[in-house]
PDB file of N, CA and C in Angstrom:
ATOM      1  N   MET A   1       7.703  54.854 -47.877  1.00  0.00           N
ATOM      2  CA  MET A   1       8.044  56.206 -47.760  1.00  0.00           C
ATOM      3  C   MET A   1       8.339  56.820 -49.146  1.00  0.00           C
ATOM      4  N   ILE A   2       8.907  55.999 -50.039  1.00  0.00           N
ATOM      5  CA  ILE A   2       9.273  56.534 -51.415  1.00  0.00           C
ATOM      6  C   ILE A   2       7.942  56.835 -52.108  1.00  0.00           C
ATOM      7  N   VAL A   3       6.952  55.873 -52.024  1.00  0.00           N
ATOM      8  CA  VAL A   3       5.678  56.079 -52.735  1.00  0.00           C
ATOM      9  C   VAL A   3       4.953  57.331 -52.174  1.00  0.00           C
ATOM     10  N   ARG A   4       4.969  57.407 -50.750  1.00  0.00           N
ATOM     11  CA  ARG A   4       4.285  58.536 -50.284  1.00  0.00           C
ATOM     12  C   ARG A   4       4.867  59.928 -50.730  1.00  0.00           C
ATOM     13  N   ARG A   5       6.142  59.966 -50.753  1.00  0.00           N
ATOM     14  CA  ARG A   5       6.723  61.206 -51.186  1.00  0.00           C
ATOM     15  C   ARG A   5       6.371  61.579 -52.659  1.00  0.00           C
ATOM     16  N   LYS A   6       6.106  60.520 -53.490  1.00  0.00           N
ATOM     17  CA  LYS A   6       5.734  60.815 -54.902  1.00  0.00           C
ATOM     18  C   LYS A   6       4.284  61.150 -54.962  1.00  0.00           C
ATOM     19  N   GLN A   7       3.528  60.452 -54.165  1.00  0.00           N
ATOM     20  CA  GLN A   7       2.041  60.839 -54.263  1.00  0.00           C
ATOM     21  C   GLN A   7       1.650  62.016 -53.519  1.00  0.00           C
ATOM     22  N   SER A   8       2.332  62.396 -52.474  1.00  0.00           N
ATOM     23  CA  SER A   8       1.904  63.523 -51.631  1.00  0.00           C
ATOM     24  C   SER A   8       3.190  64.298 -51.400  1.00  0.00           C
ATOM     25  N   PRO A   9       3.713  65.014 -52.275  1.00  0.00           N
ATOM     26  CA  PRO A   9       4.999  65.709 -52.173  1.00  0.00           C
ATOM     27  C   PRO A   9       4.839  66.990 -51.076  1.00  0.00           C
ATOM     28  N   GLY A  10       3.581  67.313 -50.815  1.00  0.00           N
ATOM     29  CA  GLY A  10       3.435  68.611 -49.844  1.00  0.00           C
ATOM     30  C   GLY A  10       3.563  68.195 -48.418  1.00  0.00           C
ATOM     31  N   ILE A  11       3.441  66.813 -48.126  1.00  0.00           N
ATOM     32  CA  ILE A  11       3.328  66.488 -46.772  1.00  0.00           C
ATOM     33  C   ILE A  11       4.837  66.524 -46.152  1.00  0.00           C
ATOM     34  N   THR A  12       4.885  67.076 -44.925  1.00  0.00           N
ATOM     35  CA  THR A  12       6.156  67.231 -44.366  1.00  0.00           C
ATOM     36  C   THR A  12       6.393  65.930 -43.396  1.00  0.00           C
ATOM     37  N   ALA A  13       7.688  65.434 -43.369  1.00  0.00           N
ATOM     38  CA  ALA A  13       8.018  64.404 -42.794  1.00  0.00           C
ATOM     39  C   ALA A  13       9.085  64.760 -41.628  1.00  0.00           C
ATOM     40  N   PRO A  14       8.793  64.120 -40.334  1.00  0.00           N
ATOM     41  CA  PRO A  14       9.666  64.535 -39.253  1.00  0.00           C
ATOM     42  C   PRO A  14      11.102  64.045 -39.484  1.00  0.00           C
ATOM     43  N   PHE A  15      11.226  63.032 -40.272  1.00  0.00           N
ATOM     44  CA  PHE A  15      12.572  62.557 -40.468  1.00  0.00           C
ATOM     45  C   PHE A  15      12.824  62.302 -41.991  1.00  0.00           C
ATOM     46  N   LYS A  16      14.047  62.646 -42.513  1.00  0.00           N
ATOM     47  CA  LYS A  16      14.321  62.521 -43.978  1.00  0.00           C
ATOM     48  C   LYS A  16      15.577  61.651 -44.009  1.00  0.00           C
ATOM     49  N   VAL A  17      15.599  60.778 -44.907  1.00  0.00           N
ATOM     50  CA  VAL A  17      16.816  59.780 -45.091  1.00  0.00           C
ATOM     51  C   VAL A  17      17.898  60.665 -45.768  1.00  0.00           C
ATOM     52  N   PRO A  18      19.064  60.548 -45.137  1.00  0.00           N
ATOM     53  CA  PRO A  18      20.175  61.318 -45.688  1.00  0.00           C
ATOM     54  C   PRO A  18      20.534  60.606 -46.931  1.00  0.00           C
ATOM     55  N   LEU A  19      20.814  61.464 -48.007  1.00  0.00           N
ATOM     56  CA  LEU A  19      21.318  61.129 -49.368  1.00  0.00           C
ATOM     57  C   LEU A  19      20.328  60.248 -50.071  1.00  0.00           C
ATOM     58  N   TYR A  20      19.066  60.592 -49.806  1.00  0.00           N
ATOM     59  CA  TYR A  20      17.930  59.806 -50.562  1.00  0.00           C
ATOM     60  C   TYR A  20      18.075  60.140 -52.033  1.00  0.00           C
ATOM     61  N   PRO A  21      17.897  59.191 -52.930  1.00  0.00           N
ATOM     62  CA  PRO A  21      17.535  57.763 -52.892  1.00  0.00           C
ATOM     63  C   PRO A  21      18.761  56.817 -52.734  1.00  0.00           C
ATOM     64  N   LEU A  22      19.973  57.422 -52.678  1.00  0.00           N
ATOM     65  CA  LEU A  22      21.261  56.620 -52.711  1.00  0.00           C
ATOM     66  C   LEU A  22      21.249  55.658 -51.585  1.00  0.00           C
ATOM     67  N   THR A  23      20.960  56.148 -50.334  1.00  0.00           N
ATOM     68  CA  THR A  23      21.032  55.408 -49.050  1.00  0.00           C
ATOM     69  C   THR A  23      20.208  54.164 -49.138  1.00  0.00           C
ATOM     70  N   PRO A  24      18.885  54.105 -49.519  1.00  0.00           N
ATOM     71  CA  PRO A  24      18.146  52.946 -49.674  1.00  0.00           C
ATOM     72  C   PRO A  24      18.654  51.966 -50.646  1.00  0.00           C
ATOM     73  N   ILE A  25      19.106  52.478 -51.722  1.00  0.00           N
ATOM     74  CA  ILE A  25      19.595  51.688 -52.877  1.00  0.00           C
ATOM     75  C   ILE A  25      20.972  50.821 -52.417  1.00  0.00           C
ATOM     76  N   LEU A  26      21.812  51.660 -51.639  1.00  0.00           N
ATOM     77  CA  LEU A  26      22.954  50.995 -51.171  1.00  0.00           C
ATOM     78  C   LEU A  26      22.699  50.046 -50.091  1.00  0.00           C
ATOM     79  N   ALA A  27      21.682  50.283 -49.321  1.00  0.00           N
ATOM     80  CA  ALA A  27      21.213  49.384 -48.243  1.00  0.00           C
ATOM     81  C   ALA A  27      20.727  48.022 -48.878  1.00  0.00           C
ATOM     82  N   ILE A  28      20.031  48.084 -49.870  1.00  0.00           N
ATOM     83  CA  ILE A  28      19.488  46.833 -50.467  1.00  0.00           C
ATOM     84  C   ILE A  28      20.581  46.109 -51.128  1.00  0.00           C
ATOM     85  N   ALA A  29      21.442  46.819 -51.775  1.00  0.00           N
ATOM     86  CA  ALA A  29      22.630  46.210 -52.490  1.00  0.00           C
ATOM     87  C   ALA A  29      23.493  45.566 -51.388  1.00  0.00           C
ATOM     88  N   GLY A  30      23.754  46.092 -50.283  1.00  0.00           N
ATOM     89  CA  GLY A  30      24.563  45.579 -49.292  1.00  0.00           C
ATOM     90  C   GLY A  30      23.893  44.277 -48.715  1.00  0.00           C
ATOM     91  N   CYS A  31      22.559  44.238 -48.462  1.00  0.00           N
ATOM     92  CA  CYS A  31      21.967  43.178 -48.054  1.00  0.00           C
ATOM     93  C   CYS A  31      22.014  41.962 -49.023  1.00  0.00           C
ATOM     94  N   LEU A  32      21.856  42.313 -50.301  1.00  0.00           N
ATOM     95  CA  LEU A  32      21.905  41.200 -51.379  1.00  0.00           C
ATOM     96  C   LEU A  32      23.348  40.694 -51.418  1.00  0.00           C
ATOM     97  N   TRP A  33      24.317  41.514 -51.217  1.00  0.00           N
ATOM     98  CA  TRP A  33      25.711  41.175 -51.226  1.00  0.00           C
ATOM     99  C   TRP A  33      26.040  40.163 -50.172  1.00  0.00           C
ATOM    100  N   ILE A  34      25.510  40.360 -49.013  1.00  0.00           N
ATOM    101  CA  ILE A  34      25.620  39.443 -47.835  1.00  0.00           C
ATOM    102  C   ILE A  34      24.822  38.219 -48.135  1.00  0.00           C
ATOM    103  N   ILE A  35      23.712  38.282 -48.580  1.00  0.00           N
ATOM    104  CA  ILE A  35      22.764  37.120 -48.800  1.00  0.00           C
ATOM    105  C   ILE A  35      23.405  36.162 -49.861  1.00  0.00           C
ATOM    106  N   LYS A  36      24.116  36.645 -50.831  1.00  0.00           N
ATOM    107  CA  LYS A  36      24.624  35.799 -51.952  1.00  0.00           C
ATOM    108  C   LYS A  36      25.687  34.771 -51.412  1.00  0.00           C
ATOM    109  N   ASP A  37      26.248  35.007 -50.309  1.00  0.00           N
ATOM    110  CA  ASP A  37      27.308  34.185 -49.742  1.00  0.00           C
ATOM    111  C   ASP A  37      26.766  33.186 -48.749  1.00  0.00           C
ATOM    112  N   LEU A  38      25.424  33.244 -48.459  1.00  0.00           N
ATOM    113  CA  LEU A  38      24.899  32.316 -47.507  1.00  0.00           C
ATOM    114  C   LEU A  38      24.659  30.955 -48.067  1.00  0.00           C
ATOM    115  N   ARG A  39      24.761  29.926 -47.331  1.00  0.00           N
ATOM    116  CA  ARG A  39      24.434  28.501 -47.822  1.00  0.00           C
ATOM    117  C   ARG A  39      23.053  28.314 -48.191  1.00  0.00           C
ATOM    118  N   SER A  40      22.672  27.520 -49.021  1.00  0.00           N
ATOM    119  CA  SER A  40      21.433  27.254 -49.516  1.00  0.00           C
ATOM    120  C   SER A  40      20.503  26.725 -48.371  1.00  0.00           C
ATOM    121  N   GLN A  41      21.109  26.062 -47.456  1.00  0.00           N
ATOM    122  CA  GLN A  41      20.482  25.485 -46.303  1.00  0.00           C
ATOM    123  C   GLN A  41      20.018  26.712 -45.356  1.00  0.00           C
ATOM    124  N   THR A  42      20.824  27.697 -45.227  1.00  0.00           N
ATOM    125  CA  THR A  42      20.527  28.829 -44.441  1.00  0.00           C
ATOM    126  C   THR A  42      19.333  29.657 -45.122  1.00  0.00           C
ATOM    127  N   LEU A  43      19.401  29.762 -46.424  1.00  0.00           N
ATOM    128  CA  LEU A  43      18.352  30.502 -47.026  1.00  0.00           C
ATOM    129  C   LEU A  43      16.859  29.782 -46.993  1.00  0.00           C
ATOM    130  N   LEU A  44      17.118  28.338 -47.113  1.00  0.00           N
ATOM    131  CA  LEU A  44      15.887  27.568 -46.942  1.00  0.00           C
ATOM    132  C   LEU A  44      15.241  27.744 -45.587  1.00  0.00           C
ATOM    133  N   ALA A  45      16.120  27.768 -44.572  1.00  0.00           N
ATOM    134  CA  ALA A  45      15.684  27.833 -43.246  1.00  0.00           C
ATOM    135  C   ALA A  45      14.990  29.202 -43.093  1.00  0.00           C
ATOM    136  N   PHE A  46      15.647  30.208 -43.607  1.00  0.00           N
ATOM    137  CA  PHE A  46      15.011  31.610 -43.588  1.00  0.00           C
ATOM    138  C   PHE A  46      13.664  31.698 -44.209  1.00  0.00           C
ATOM    139  N   ILE A  47      13.550  31.007 -45.408  1.00  0.00           N
ATOM    140  CA  ILE A  47      12.249  31.068 -46.070  1.00  0.00           C
ATOM    141  C   ILE A  47      11.242  30.207 -45.396  1.00  0.00           C
ATOM    142  N   GLY A  48      11.547  29.185 -44.732  1.00  0.00           N
ATOM    143  CA  GLY A  48      10.604  28.458 -44.024  1.00  0.00           C
ATOM    144  C   GLY A  48      10.169  29.180 -42.766  1.00  0.00           C
ATOM    145  N   TRP A  49      11.038  29.847 -41.922  1.00  0.00           N
ATOM    146  CA  TRP A  49      10.674  30.463 -40.859  1.00  0.00           C
ATOM    147  C   TRP A  49       9.827  31.727 -41.195  1.00  0.00           C
ATOM    148  N   THR A  50      10.131  32.404 -42.394  1.00  0.00           N
ATOM    149  CA  THR A  50       9.346  33.634 -42.723  1.00  0.00           C
ATOM    150  C   THR A  50       8.036  33.148 -43.162  1.00  0.00           C
ATOM    151  N   ALA A  51       7.826  32.000 -43.794  1.00  0.00           N
ATOM    152  CA  ALA A  51       6.541  31.627 -44.251  1.00  0.00           C
ATOM    153  C   ALA A  51       5.777  31.190 -42.927  1.00  0.00           C
ATOM    154  N   PHE A  52       6.352  30.441 -41.961  1.00  0.00           N
ATOM    155  CA  PHE A  52       5.656  30.231 -40.800  1.00  0.00           C
ATOM    156  C   PHE A  52       5.214  31.413 -40.063  1.00  0.00           C
ATOM    157  N   ALA A  53       6.064  32.488 -39.917  1.00  0.00           N
ATOM    158  CA  ALA A  53       5.689  33.699 -39.289  1.00  0.00           C
ATOM    159  C   ALA A  53       4.627  34.394 -39.893  1.00  0.00           C
ATOM    160  N   LEU A  54       4.621  34.407 -41.225  1.00  0.00           N
ATOM    161  CA  LEU A  54       3.534  35.072 -42.046  1.00  0.00           C
ATOM    162  C   LEU A  54       2.212  34.452 -41.803  1.00  0.00           C
ATOM    163  N   ILE A  55       2.184  33.019 -41.907  1.00  0.00           N
ATOM    164  CA  ILE A  55       0.954  32.373 -41.680  1.00  0.00           C
ATOM    165  C   ILE A  55       0.432  32.575 -40.357  1.00  0.00           C
ATOM    166  N   PHE A  56       1.349  32.499 -39.238  1.00  0.00           N
ATOM    167  CA  PHE A  56       0.824  32.867 -37.862  1.00  0.00           C
ATOM    168  C   PHE A  56       0.335  34.175 -37.752  1.00  0.00           C
ATOM    169  N   TYR A  57       0.995  35.191 -38.334  1.00  0.00           N
ATOM    170  CA  TYR A  57       0.653  36.543 -38.239  1.00  0.00           C
ATOM    171  C   TYR A  57      -0.734  36.822 -38.841  1.00  0.00           C
ATOM    172  N   PHE A  58      -0.906  36.295 -40.131  1.00  0.00           N
ATOM    173  CA  PHE A  58      -2.225  36.593 -40.703  1.00  0.00           C
ATOM    174  C   PHE A  58      -3.299  35.700 -40.080  1.00  0.00           C
ATOM    175  N   ALA A  59      -3.039  34.560 -39.590  1.00  0.00           N
ATOM    176  CA  ALA A  59      -4.076  33.735 -38.837  1.00  0.00           C
ATOM    177  C   ALA A  59      -4.455  34.435 -37.624  1.00  0.00           C
ATOM    178  N   TYR A  60      -3.538  35.000 -36.867  1.00  0.00           N
ATOM    179  CA  TYR A  60      -3.842  35.710 -35.662  1.00  0.00           C
ATOM    180  C   TYR A  60      -4.686  36.977 -35.939  1.00  0.00           C
ATOM    181  N   SER A  61      -4.207  37.750 -36.925  1.00  0.00           N
ATOM    182  CA  SER A  61      -4.849  38.995 -37.220  1.00  0.00           C
ATOM    183  C   SER A  61      -6.236  38.833 -37.726  1.00  0.00           C
ATOM    184  N   VAL A  62      -6.555  37.830 -38.465  1.00  0.00           N
ATOM    185  CA  VAL A  62      -7.863  37.576 -38.927  1.00  0.00           C
ATOM    186  C   VAL A  62      -8.878  37.426 -37.813  1.00  0.00           C
ATOM    187  N   ARG A  63      -8.428  36.684 -36.758  1.00  0.00           N
ATOM    188  CA  ARG A  63      -9.300  36.433 -35.642  1.00  0.00           C
ATOM    189  C   ARG A  63      -9.387  37.613 -34.706  1.00  0.00           C
ATOM    190  N   ASN A  64      -8.369  38.535 -34.604  1.00  0.00           N
ATOM    191  CA  ASN A  64      -8.264  39.444 -33.663  1.00  0.00           C
ATOM    192  C   ASN A  64      -8.320  40.881 -34.162  1.00  0.00           C
ATOM    193  N   SER A  65      -8.782  41.083 -35.364  1.00  0.00           N
ATOM    194  CA  SER A  65      -8.739  42.364 -35.943  1.00  0.00           C
ATOM    195  C   SER A  65      -9.921  43.247 -35.400  1.00  0.00           C
ATOM    196  N   ARG A  66      -9.546  44.452 -35.086  1.00  0.00           N
ATOM    197  CA  ARG A  66     -10.628  45.254 -34.593  1.00  0.00           C
ATOM    198  C   ARG A  66     -11.537  45.831 -35.735  1.00  0.00           C
ATOM    199  N   LEU A  67     -11.094  45.809 -36.990  1.00  0.00           N
ATOM    200  CA  LEU A  67     -11.874  46.220 -37.989  1.00  0.00           C
ATOM    201  C   LEU A  67     -12.793  45.158 -38.490  1.00  0.00           C
ATOM    202  N   ASN A  68     -12.504  43.987 -38.038  1.00  0.00           N
ATOM    203  CA  ASN A  68     -13.382  42.785 -38.475  1.00  0.00           C
ATOM    204  C   ASN A  68     -14.511  42.589 -37.470  1.00  0.00           C
ATOM    205  N   LYS A  69     -14.406  43.195 -36.441  1.00  0.00           N
ATOM    206  CA  LYS A  69     -15.396  42.961 -35.317  1.00  0.00           C
ATOM    207  C   LYS A  69     -16.490  43.981 -35.500  1.00  0.00           C
ATOM    208  N   THR A  70     -17.680  43.391 -35.432  1.00  0.00           N
ATOM    209  CA  THR A  70     -18.972  44.254 -35.444  1.00  0.00           C
ATOM    210  C   THR A  70     -19.256  44.483 -33.978  1.00  0.00           C
ATOM    211  N   PRO A  71     -20.109  45.464 -33.615  1.00  0.00           N
ATOM    212  CA  PRO A  71     -20.565  45.704 -32.324  1.00  0.00           C
ATOM    213  C   PRO A  71     -21.186  44.511 -31.672  1.00  0.00           C
ATOM    214  N   GLU A  72     -22.055  43.821 -32.359  1.00  0.00           N
ATOM    215  CA  GLU A  72     -22.771  42.748 -31.803  1.00  0.00           C
ATOM    216  C   GLU A  72     -21.797  41.502 -31.633  1.00  0.00           C
ATOM    217  N   HIS A  73     -20.824  41.353 -32.417  1.00  0.00           N
ATOM    218  CA  HIS A  73     -19.726  40.275 -32.340  1.00  0.00           C
ATOM    219  C   HIS A  73     -18.886  40.548 -31.051  1.00  0.00           C
ATOM    220  N   ALA A  74     -18.601  41.792 -30.788  1.00  0.00           N
ATOM    221  CA  ALA A  74     -17.753  42.232 -29.713  1.00  0.00           C
ATOM    222  C   ALA A  74     -18.571  41.989 -28.411  1.00  0.00           C
ATOM    223  N   ALA A  75     -19.870  42.080 -28.342  1.00  0.00           N
ATOM    224  CA  ALA A  75     -20.645  41.950 -27.106  1.00  0.00           C
ATOM    225  C   ALA A  75     -20.590  40.546 -26.772  1.00  0.00           C
ATOM    226  N   HIS A  76     -20.410  39.552 -27.643  1.00  0.00           N
ATOM    227  CA  HIS A  76     -20.308  38.117 -27.283  1.00  0.00           C
ATOM    228  C   HIS A  76     -19.129  37.671 -26.642  1.00  0.00           C
ATOM    229  N   GLN A  77     -18.076  38.498 -26.734  1.00  0.00           N
ATOM    230  CA  GLN A  77     -16.703  37.986 -26.210  1.00  0.00           C
ATOM    231  C   GLN A  77     -16.529  38.583 -24.931  1.00  0.00           C
TER     232      GLN A  77
END
């Protein structure tokens, strides 16, 4: 959203973040403040599950992408 507002300032958005850009900055700072107190075991589990989810997501999307299918490829399925 931040990039879009800078590149296309004329576009109207149905929702605007209150106190922009302070709110997103405070939200990121709050998340980092919470994360700093987590045990390393918890962070490693989070990184592992995130890696697994990303691999699964991209492996699934490569096979099932509508953009990747040609009309003749779709006819065979």
